[in-house]
Amino acid sequence: LESAGYLNIIKRTKFSKVVDASYLQTVGYQLTWDGHEFIETIRDPEIWRKTKDGATAVGGWTISLLAELGKGFLKAKAIDLGLPIA
């Protein structure tokens, strides 16, 4: 998820007395803008169900495919509600 741009991993340098070297330790995660958009896209249980069903029908998925499917279903719902989506 970090490589795809959905998360930033928060790291800090630690020093190990056992191996006499420093190393990076992951201490947390932070959602990126794209991560927040993805979560908001699939927040509705109906949209998430349709997104998962779509990925299953395709026979596989990537995080990018899930994001695009979710956006498509979200836009379709907005159009069904009569909202002005181009």
PDB file of N, CA and C in Angstrom:
ATOM      1  N   LEU A   1       0.822  -1.201   0.000  1.00  0.00           N
ATOM      2  CA  LEU A   1       0.000   0.000   0.000  1.00  0.00           C
ATOM      3  C   LEU A   1       0.859   1.256   0.000  1.00  0.00           C
ATOM      4  N   GLU A   2       2.036   1.152   0.589  1.00  0.00           N
ATOM      5  CA  GLU A   2       2.937   2.307   0.562  1.00  0.00           C
ATOM      6  C   GLU A   2       3.406   2.580  -0.873  1.00  0.00           C
ATOM      7  N   SER A   3       3.801   1.544  -1.574  1.00  0.00           N
ATOM      8  CA  SER A   3       4.281   1.713  -2.952  1.00  0.00           C
ATOM      9  C   SER A   3       3.194   2.249  -3.869  1.00  0.00           C
ATOM     10  N   ALA A   4       1.940   1.879  -3.597  1.00  0.00           N
ATOM     11  CA  ALA A   4       0.821   2.347  -4.415  1.00  0.00           C
ATOM     12  C   ALA A   4       0.401   3.768  -4.059  1.00  0.00           C
ATOM     13  N   GLY A   5       0.952   4.322  -2.981  1.00  0.00           N
ATOM     14  CA  GLY A   5       0.652   5.700  -2.619  1.00  0.00           C
ATOM     15  C   GLY A   5      -0.547   5.864  -1.697  1.00  0.00           C
ATOM     16  N   TYR A   6      -0.983   4.782  -1.053  1.00  0.00           N
ATOM     17  CA  TYR A   6      -2.135   4.854  -0.164  1.00  0.00           C
ATOM     18  C   TYR A   6      -1.739   5.060   1.302  1.00  0.00           C
ATOM     19  N   LEU A   7      -0.509   4.705   1.645  1.00  0.00           N
ATOM     20  CA  LEU A   7      -0.020   4.840   3.020  1.00  0.00           C
ATOM     21  C   LEU A   7       1.378   5.428   3.033  1.00  0.00           C
ATOM     22  N   ASN A   8       1.660   6.200   4.056  1.00  0.00           N
ATOM     23  CA  ASN A   8       3.032   6.584   4.387  1.00  0.00           C
ATOM     24  C   ASN A   8       3.400   5.804   5.629  1.00  0.00           C
ATOM     25  N   ILE A   9       4.550   5.165   5.614  1.00  0.00           N
ATOM     26  CA  ILE A   9       5.004   4.436   6.784  1.00  0.00           C
ATOM     27  C   ILE A   9       5.901   5.373   7.586  1.00  0.00           C
ATOM     28  N   ILE A  10       5.589   5.513   8.851  1.00  0.00           N
ATOM     29  CA  ILE A  10       6.363   6.374   9.729  1.00  0.00           C
ATOM     30  C   ILE A  10       7.447   5.506  10.365  1.00  0.00           C
ATOM     31  N   LYS A  11       8.689   5.897  10.158  1.00  0.00           N
ATOM     32  CA  LYS A  11       9.825   5.105  10.647  1.00  0.00           C
ATOM     33  C   LYS A  11      10.726   5.972  11.514  1.00  0.00           C
ATOM     34  N   ARG A  12      11.454   5.341  12.367  1.00  0.00           N
ATOM     35  CA  ARG A  12      12.475   6.042  13.118  1.00  0.00           C
ATOM     36  C   ARG A  12      13.700   5.134  13.209  1.00  0.00           C
ATOM     37  N   THR A  13      14.838   5.747  13.336  1.00  0.00           N
ATOM     38  CA  THR A  13      16.080   4.995  13.429  1.00  0.00           C
ATOM     39  C   THR A  13      16.283   4.544  14.864  1.00  0.00           C
ATOM     40  N   LYS A  14      16.591   3.282  15.027  1.00  0.00           N
ATOM     41  CA  LYS A  14      16.900   2.712  16.331  1.00  0.00           C
ATOM     42  C   LYS A  14      18.317   2.153  16.266  1.00  0.00           C
ATOM     43  N   PHE A  15      18.953   2.090  17.381  1.00  0.00           N
ATOM     44  CA  PHE A  15      20.273   1.495  17.441  1.00  0.00           C
ATOM     45  C   PHE A  15      20.183   0.189  18.193  1.00  0.00           C
ATOM     46  N   SER A  16      20.726  -0.856  17.620  1.00  0.00           N
ATOM     47  CA  SER A  16      20.698  -2.168  18.241  1.00  0.00           C
ATOM     48  C   SER A  16      22.052  -2.467  18.869  1.00  0.00           C
ATOM     49  N   LYS A  17      22.059  -2.694  20.157  1.00  0.00           N
ATOM     50  CA  LYS A  17      23.306  -3.066  20.848  1.00  0.00           C
ATOM     51  C   LYS A  17      23.689  -4.503  20.530  1.00  0.00           C
ATOM     52  N   VAL A  18      22.702  -5.312  20.167  1.00  0.00           N
ATOM     53  CA  VAL A  18      22.961  -6.724  19.882  1.00  0.00           C
ATOM     54  C   VAL A  18      23.801  -6.881  18.621  1.00  0.00           C
ATOM     55  N   VAL A  19      23.433  -6.177  17.557  1.00  0.00           N
ATOM     56  CA  VAL A  19      24.166  -6.308  16.288  1.00  0.00           C
ATOM     57  C   VAL A  19      25.064  -5.110  16.023  1.00  0.00           C
ATOM     58  N   ASP A  20      25.121  -4.167  16.957  1.00  0.00           N
ATOM     59  CA  ASP A  20      25.984  -2.998  16.842  1.00  0.00           C
ATOM     60  C   ASP A  20      25.747  -2.239  15.530  1.00  0.00           C
ATOM     61  N   ALA A  21      24.489  -1.977  15.251  1.00  0.00           N
ATOM     62  CA  ALA A  21      24.144  -1.258  14.025  1.00  0.00           C
ATOM     63  C   ALA A  21      22.812  -0.553  14.229  1.00  0.00           C
ATOM     64  N   SER A  22      22.559   0.418  13.399  1.00  0.00           N
ATOM     65  CA  SER A  22      21.265   1.092  13.459  1.00  0.00           C
ATOM     66  C   SER A  22      20.343   0.481  12.401  1.00  0.00           C
ATOM     67  N   TYR A  23      19.061   0.587  12.609  1.00  0.00           N
ATOM     68  CA  TYR A  23      18.083   0.060  11.674  1.00  0.00           C
ATOM     69  C   TYR A  23      16.820   0.910  11.765  1.00  0.00           C
ATOM     70  N   LEU A  24      15.983   0.808  10.738  1.00  0.00           N
ATOM     71  CA  LEU A  24      14.717   1.543  10.727  1.00  0.00           C
ATOM     72  C   LEU A  24      13.635   0.684  11.348  1.00  0.00           C
ATOM     73  N   GLN A  25      12.855   1.285  12.213  1.00  0.00           N
ATOM     74  CA  GLN A  25      11.746   0.595  12.853  1.00  0.00           C
ATOM     75  C   GLN A  25      10.453   1.294  12.451  1.00  0.00           C
ATOM     76  N   THR A  26       9.482   0.513  11.983  1.00  0.00           N
ATOM     77  CA  THR A  26       8.176   1.084  11.660  1.00  0.00           C
ATOM     78  C   THR A  26       7.438   1.362  12.956  1.00  0.00           C
ATOM     79  N   VAL A  27       6.972   2.599  13.109  1.00  0.00           N
ATOM     80  CA  VAL A  27       6.261   2.958  14.333  1.00  0.00           C
ATOM     81  C   VAL A  27       4.810   3.352  14.078  1.00  0.00           C
ATOM     82  N   GLY A  28       4.412   3.422  12.826  1.00  0.00           N
ATOM     83  CA  GLY A  28       3.029   3.771  12.531  1.00  0.00           C
ATOM     84  C   GLY A  28       2.807   3.963  11.052  1.00  0.00           C
ATOM     85  N   TYR A  29       1.560   4.233  10.732  1.00  0.00           N
ATOM     86  CA  TYR A  29       1.146   4.448   9.354  1.00  0.00           C
ATOM     87  C   TYR A  29       0.297   5.702   9.279  1.00  0.00           C
ATOM     88  N   GLN A  30       0.326   6.345   8.133  1.00  0.00           N
ATOM     89  CA  GLN A  30      -0.471   7.543   7.905  1.00  0.00           C
ATOM     90  C   GLN A  30      -1.097   7.422   6.523  1.00  0.00           C
ATOM     91  N   LEU A  31      -2.425   7.573   6.454  1.00  0.00           N
ATOM     92  CA  LEU A  31      -3.091   7.528   5.156  1.00  0.00           C
ATOM     93  C   LEU A  31      -2.700   8.741   4.319  1.00  0.00           C
ATOM     94  N   THR A  32      -2.460   8.525   3.047  1.00  0.00           N
ATOM     95  CA  THR A  32      -2.209   9.624   2.124  1.00  0.00           C
ATOM     96  C   THR A  32      -3.550  10.144   1.619  1.00  0.00           C
ATOM     97  N   TRP A  33      -3.504  11.177   0.810  1.00  0.00           N
ATOM     98  CA  TRP A  33      -4.727  11.707   0.191  1.00  0.00           C
ATOM     99  C   TRP A  33      -5.422  10.596  -0.596  1.00  0.00           C
ATOM    100  N   ASP A  34      -4.660   9.850  -1.401  1.00  0.00           N
ATOM    101  CA  ASP A  34      -5.247   8.758  -2.183  1.00  0.00           C
ATOM    102  C   ASP A  34      -5.831   7.677  -1.275  1.00  0.00           C
ATOM    103  N   GLY A  35      -5.187   7.411  -0.153  1.00  0.00           N
ATOM    104  CA  GLY A  35      -5.711   6.443   0.803  1.00  0.00           C
ATOM    105  C   GLY A  35      -7.051   6.876   1.370  1.00  0.00           C
ATOM    106  N   HIS A  36      -7.148   8.167   1.718  1.00  0.00           N
ATOM    107  CA  HIS A  36      -8.412   8.698   2.223  1.00  0.00           C
ATOM    108  C   HIS A  36      -9.497   8.625   1.153  1.00  0.00           C
ATOM    109  N   GLU A  37      -9.147   8.960  -0.084  1.00  0.00           N
ATOM    110  CA  GLU A  37     -10.130   8.881  -1.167  1.00  0.00           C
ATOM    111  C   GLU A  37     -10.631   7.455  -1.366  1.00  0.00           C
ATOM    112  N   PHE A  38      -9.722   6.491  -1.310  1.00  0.00           N
ATOM    113  CA  PHE A  38     -10.126   5.092  -1.479  1.00  0.00           C
ATOM    114  C   PHE A  38     -11.091   4.670  -0.370  1.00  0.00           C
ATOM    115  N   ILE A  39     -10.759   4.993   0.863  1.00  0.00           N
ATOM    116  CA  ILE A  39     -11.622   4.636   1.993  1.00  0.00           C
ATOM    117  C   ILE A  39     -13.002   5.288   1.837  1.00  0.00           C
ATOM    118  N   GLU A  40     -13.023   6.556   1.447  1.00  0.00           N
ATOM    119  CA  GLU A  40     -14.311   7.244   1.275  1.00  0.00           C
ATOM    120  C   GLU A  40     -15.107   6.661   0.114  1.00  0.00           C
ATOM    121  N   THR A  41     -14.414   6.217  -0.919  1.00  0.00           N
ATOM    122  CA  THR A  41     -15.089   5.640  -2.084  1.00  0.00           C
ATOM    123  C   THR A  41     -15.834   4.366  -1.710  1.00  0.00           C
ATOM    124  N   ILE A  42     -15.236   3.537  -0.867  1.00  0.00           N
ATOM    125  CA  ILE A  42     -15.833   2.235  -0.556  1.00  0.00           C
ATOM    126  C   ILE A  42     -16.507   2.204   0.815  1.00  0.00           C
ATOM    127  N   ARG A  43     -16.687   3.351   1.451  1.00  0.00           N
ATOM    128  CA  ARG A  43     -17.283   3.402   2.793  1.00  0.00           C
ATOM    129  C   ARG A  43     -18.711   2.841   2.817  1.00  0.00           C
ATOM    130  N   ASP A  44     -19.483   3.130   1.794  1.00  0.00           N
ATOM    131  CA  ASP A  44     -20.860   2.634   1.716  1.00  0.00           C
ATOM    132  C   ASP A  44     -20.819   1.110   1.537  1.00  0.00           C
ATOM    133  N   PRO A  45     -21.501   0.357   2.415  1.00  0.00           N
ATOM    134  CA  PRO A  45     -21.463  -1.109   2.316  1.00  0.00           C
ATOM    135  C   PRO A  45     -21.923  -1.655   0.961  1.00  0.00           C
ATOM    136  N   GLU A  46     -22.890  -0.997   0.345  1.00  0.00           N
ATOM    137  CA  GLU A  46     -23.372  -1.437  -0.972  1.00  0.00           C
ATOM    138  C   GLU A  46     -22.286  -1.254  -2.038  1.00  0.00           C
ATOM    139  N   ILE A  47     -21.616  -0.119  -1.997  1.00  0.00           N
ATOM    140  CA  ILE A  47     -20.526   0.142  -2.962  1.00  0.00           C
ATOM    141  C   ILE A  47     -19.396  -0.862  -2.747  1.00  0.00           C
ATOM    142  N   TRP A  48     -19.030  -1.140  -1.493  1.00  0.00           N
ATOM    143  CA  TRP A  48     -17.949  -2.087  -1.205  1.00  0.00           C
ATOM    144  C   TRP A  48     -18.332  -3.488  -1.683  1.00  0.00           C
ATOM    145  N   ARG A  49     -19.582  -3.899  -1.451  1.00  0.00           N
ATOM    146  CA  ARG A  49     -20.035  -5.216  -1.901  1.00  0.00           C
ATOM    147  C   ARG A  49     -19.949  -5.325  -3.420  1.00  0.00           C
ATOM    148  N   LYS A  50     -20.430  -4.308  -4.124  1.00  0.00           N
ATOM    149  CA  LYS A  50     -20.373  -4.316  -5.591  1.00  0.00           C
ATOM    150  C   LYS A  50     -18.929  -4.318  -6.081  1.00  0.00           C
ATOM    151  N   THR A  51     -18.069  -3.586  -5.395  1.00  0.00           N
ATOM    152  CA  THR A  51     -16.648  -3.537  -5.766  1.00  0.00           C
ATOM    153  C   THR A  51     -16.015  -4.919  -5.620  1.00  0.00           C
ATOM    154  N   LYS A  52     -16.262  -5.583  -4.497  1.00  0.00           N
ATOM    155  CA  LYS A  52     -15.719  -6.930  -4.287  1.00  0.00           C
ATOM    156  C   LYS A  52     -16.297  -7.914  -5.297  1.00  0.00           C
ATOM    157  N   ASP A  53     -17.605  -7.822  -5.546  1.00  0.00           N
ATOM    158  CA  ASP A  53     -18.238  -8.719  -6.520  1.00  0.00           C
ATOM    159  C   ASP A  53     -17.662  -8.508  -7.919  1.00  0.00           C
ATOM    160  N   GLY A  54     -17.407  -7.257  -8.275  1.00  0.00           N
ATOM    161  CA  GLY A  54     -16.815  -6.954  -9.578  1.00  0.00           C
ATOM    162  C   GLY A  54     -15.422  -7.543  -9.714  1.00  0.00           C
ATOM    163  N   ALA A  55     -14.620  -7.411  -8.666  1.00  0.00           N
ATOM    164  CA  ALA A  55     -13.264  -7.966  -8.703  1.00  0.00           C
ATOM    165  C   ALA A  55     -13.316  -9.490  -8.784  1.00  0.00           C
ATOM    166  N   THR A  56     -14.267 -10.100  -8.081  1.00  0.00           N
ATOM    167  CA  THR A  56     -14.427 -11.555  -8.130  1.00  0.00           C
ATOM    168  C   THR A  56     -14.823 -11.998  -9.536  1.00  0.00           C
ATOM    169  N   ALA A  57     -15.706 -11.253 -10.167  1.00  0.00           N
ATOM    170  CA  ALA A  57     -16.153 -11.593 -11.522  1.00  0.00           C
ATOM    171  C   ALA A  57     -15.002 -11.530 -12.523  1.00  0.00           C
ATOM    172  N   VAL A  58     -14.098 -10.574 -12.303  1.00  0.00           N
ATOM    173  CA  VAL A  58     -12.939 -10.438 -13.182  1.00  0.00           C
ATOM    174  C   VAL A  58     -11.967 -11.589 -12.960  1.00  0.00           C
ATOM    175  N   GLY A  59     -11.959 -12.125 -11.767  1.00  0.00           N
ATOM    176  CA  GLY A  59     -11.078 -13.256 -11.466  1.00  0.00           C
ATOM    177  C   GLY A  59      -9.790 -12.860 -10.777  1.00  0.00           C
ATOM    178  N   GLY A  60      -9.676 -11.623 -10.377  1.00  0.00           N
ATOM    179  CA  GLY A  60      -8.487 -11.151  -9.681  1.00  0.00           C
ATOM    180  C   GLY A  60      -8.614  -9.671  -9.446  1.00  0.00           C
ATOM    181  N   TRP A  61      -7.664  -9.121  -8.707  1.00  0.00           N
ATOM    182  CA  TRP A  61      -7.748  -7.695  -8.428  1.00  0.00           C
ATOM    183  C   TRP A  61      -6.384  -7.119  -8.076  1.00  0.00           C
ATOM    184  N   THR A  62      -6.313  -5.841  -8.274  1.00  0.00           N
ATOM    185  CA  THR A  62      -5.202  -5.038  -7.777  1.00  0.00           C
ATOM    186  C   THR A  62      -5.839  -3.904  -6.989  1.00  0.00           C
ATOM    187  N   ILE A  63      -5.077  -3.217  -6.198  1.00  0.00           N
ATOM    188  CA  ILE A  63      -5.626  -2.095  -5.436  1.00  0.00           C
ATOM    189  C   ILE A  63      -6.131  -1.025  -6.402  1.00  0.00           C
ATOM    190  N   SER A  64      -5.447  -0.846  -7.522  1.00  0.00           N
ATOM    191  CA  SER A  64      -5.885   0.132  -8.524  1.00  0.00           C
ATOM    192  C   SER A  64      -7.232  -0.257  -9.126  1.00  0.00           C
ATOM    193  N   LEU A  65      -7.410  -1.550  -9.405  1.00  0.00           N
ATOM    194  CA  LEU A  65      -8.685  -2.012  -9.950  1.00  0.00           C
ATOM    195  C   LEU A  65      -9.805  -1.802  -8.930  1.00  0.00           C
ATOM    196  N   LEU A  66      -9.558  -2.137  -7.654  1.00  0.00           N
ATOM    197  CA  LEU A  66     -10.571  -1.914  -6.627  1.00  0.00           C
ATOM    198  C   LEU A  66     -10.951  -0.439  -6.550  1.00  0.00           C
ATOM    199  N   ALA A  67      -9.961   0.435  -6.613  1.00  0.00           N
ATOM    200  CA  ALA A  67     -10.238   1.876  -6.547  1.00  0.00           C
ATOM    201  C   ALA A  67     -11.084   2.324  -7.736  1.00  0.00           C
ATOM    202  N   GLU A  68     -10.742   1.866  -8.932  1.00  0.00           N
ATOM    203  CA  GLU A  68     -11.496   2.260 -10.122  1.00  0.00           C
ATOM    204  C   GLU A  68     -12.914   1.696 -10.113  1.00  0.00           C
ATOM    205  N   LEU A  69     -13.055   0.436  -9.709  1.00  0.00           N
ATOM    206  CA  LEU A  69     -14.394  -0.148  -9.612  1.00  0.00           C
ATOM    207  C   LEU A  69     -15.237   0.622  -8.605  1.00  0.00           C
ATOM    208  N   GLY A  70     -14.653   0.896  -7.446  1.00  0.00           N
ATOM    209  CA  GLY A  70     -15.382   1.641  -6.423  1.00  0.00           C
ATOM    210  C   GLY A  70     -15.823   3.001  -6.916  1.00  0.00           C
ATOM    211  N   LYS A  71     -14.926   3.707  -7.606  1.00  0.00           N
ATOM    212  CA  LYS A  71     -15.275   5.026  -8.149  1.00  0.00           C
ATOM    213  C   LYS A  71     -16.410   4.911  -9.163  1.00  0.00           C
ATOM    214  N   GLY A  72     -16.349   3.873  -9.998  1.00  0.00           N
ATOM    215  CA  GLY A  72     -17.400   3.678 -10.995  1.00  0.00           C
ATOM    216  C   GLY A  72     -18.755   3.432 -10.351  1.00  0.00           C
ATOM    217  N   PHE A  73     -18.787   2.583  -9.338  1.00  0.00           N
ATOM    218  CA  PHE A  73     -20.053   2.297  -8.649  1.00  0.00           C
ATOM    219  C   PHE A  73     -20.550   3.515  -7.878  1.00  0.00           C
ATOM    220  N   LEU A  74     -19.635   4.286  -7.314  1.00  0.00           N
ATOM    221  CA  LEU A  74     -20.023   5.497  -6.587  1.00  0.00           C
ATOM    222  C   LEU A  74     -20.615   6.538  -7.545  1.00  0.00           C
ATOM    223  N   LYS A  75     -19.982   6.704  -8.712  1.00  0.00           N
ATOM    224  CA  LYS A  75     -20.511   7.642  -9.716  1.00  0.00           C
ATOM    225  C   LYS A  75     -21.875   7.187 -10.220  1.00  0.00           C
ATOM    226  N   ALA A  76     -22.027   5.883 -10.444  1.00  0.00           N
ATOM    227  CA  ALA A  76     -23.317   5.359 -10.903  1.00  0.00           C
ATOM    228  C   ALA A  76     -24.408   5.629  -9.864  1.00  0.00           C
ATOM    229  N   LYS A  77     -24.072   5.486  -8.585  1.00  0.00           N
ATOM    230  CA  LYS A  77     -25.049   5.760  -7.533  1.00  0.00           C
ATOM    231  C   LYS A  77     -25.433   7.241  -7.528  1.00  0.00           C
ATOM    232  N   ALA A  78     -24.446   8.117  -7.712  1.00  0.00           N
ATOM    233  CA  ALA A  78     -24.725   9.551  -7.753  1.00  0.00           C
ATOM    234  C   ALA A  78     -25.643   9.895  -8.924  1.00  0.00           C
ATOM    235  N   ILE A  79     -25.400   9.290 -10.073  1.00  0.00           N
ATOM    236  CA  ILE A  79     -26.247   9.525 -11.252  1.00  0.00           C
ATOM    237  C   ILE A  79     -27.662   9.013 -10.994  1.00  0.00           C
ATOM    238  N   ASP A  80     -27.776   7.824 -10.369  1.00  0.00           N
ATOM    239  CA  ASP A  80     -29.089   7.271 -10.033  1.00  0.00           C
ATOM    240  C   ASP A  80     -29.859   8.204  -9.086  1.00  0.00           C
ATOM    241  N   LEU A  81     -29.129   8.921  -8.256  1.00  0.00           N
ATOM    242  CA  LEU A  81     -29.776   9.866  -7.331  1.00  0.00           C
ATOM    243  C   LEU A  81     -30.096  11.205  -7.998  1.00  0.00           C
ATOM    244  N   GLY A  82     -29.742  11.331  -9.282  1.00  0.00           N
ATOM    245  CA  GLY A  82     -30.031  12.547 -10.022  1.00  0.00           C
ATOM    246  C   GLY A  82     -29.029  13.653  -9.812  1.00  0.00           C
ATOM    247  N   LEU A  83     -27.855  13.305  -9.279  1.00  0.00           N
ATOM    248  CA  LEU A  83     -26.818  14.315  -9.060  1.00  0.00           C
ATOM    249  C   LEU A  83     -26.067  14.592 -10.350  1.00  0.00           C
ATOM    250  N   PRO A  84     -25.637  15.825 -10.560  1.00  0.00           N
ATOM    251  CA  PRO A  84     -24.998  16.218 -11.819  1.00  0.00           C
ATOM    252  C   PRO A  84     -23.542  15.767 -11.906  1.00  0.00           C
ATOM    253  N   ILE A  85     -23.333  14.525 -12.303  1.00  0.00           N
ATOM    254  CA  ILE A  85     -21.984  13.971 -12.470  1.00  0.00           C
ATOM    255  C   ILE A  85     -21.699  13.869 -13.959  1.00  0.00           C
ATOM    256  N   ALA A  86     -20.555  14.357 -14.347  1.00  0.00           N
ATOM    257  CA  ALA A  86     -20.190  14.311 -15.779  1.00  0.00           C
ATOM    258  C   ALA A  86     -19.448  13.049 -16.110  1.00  0.00           C
TER     259      ALA A  86
END
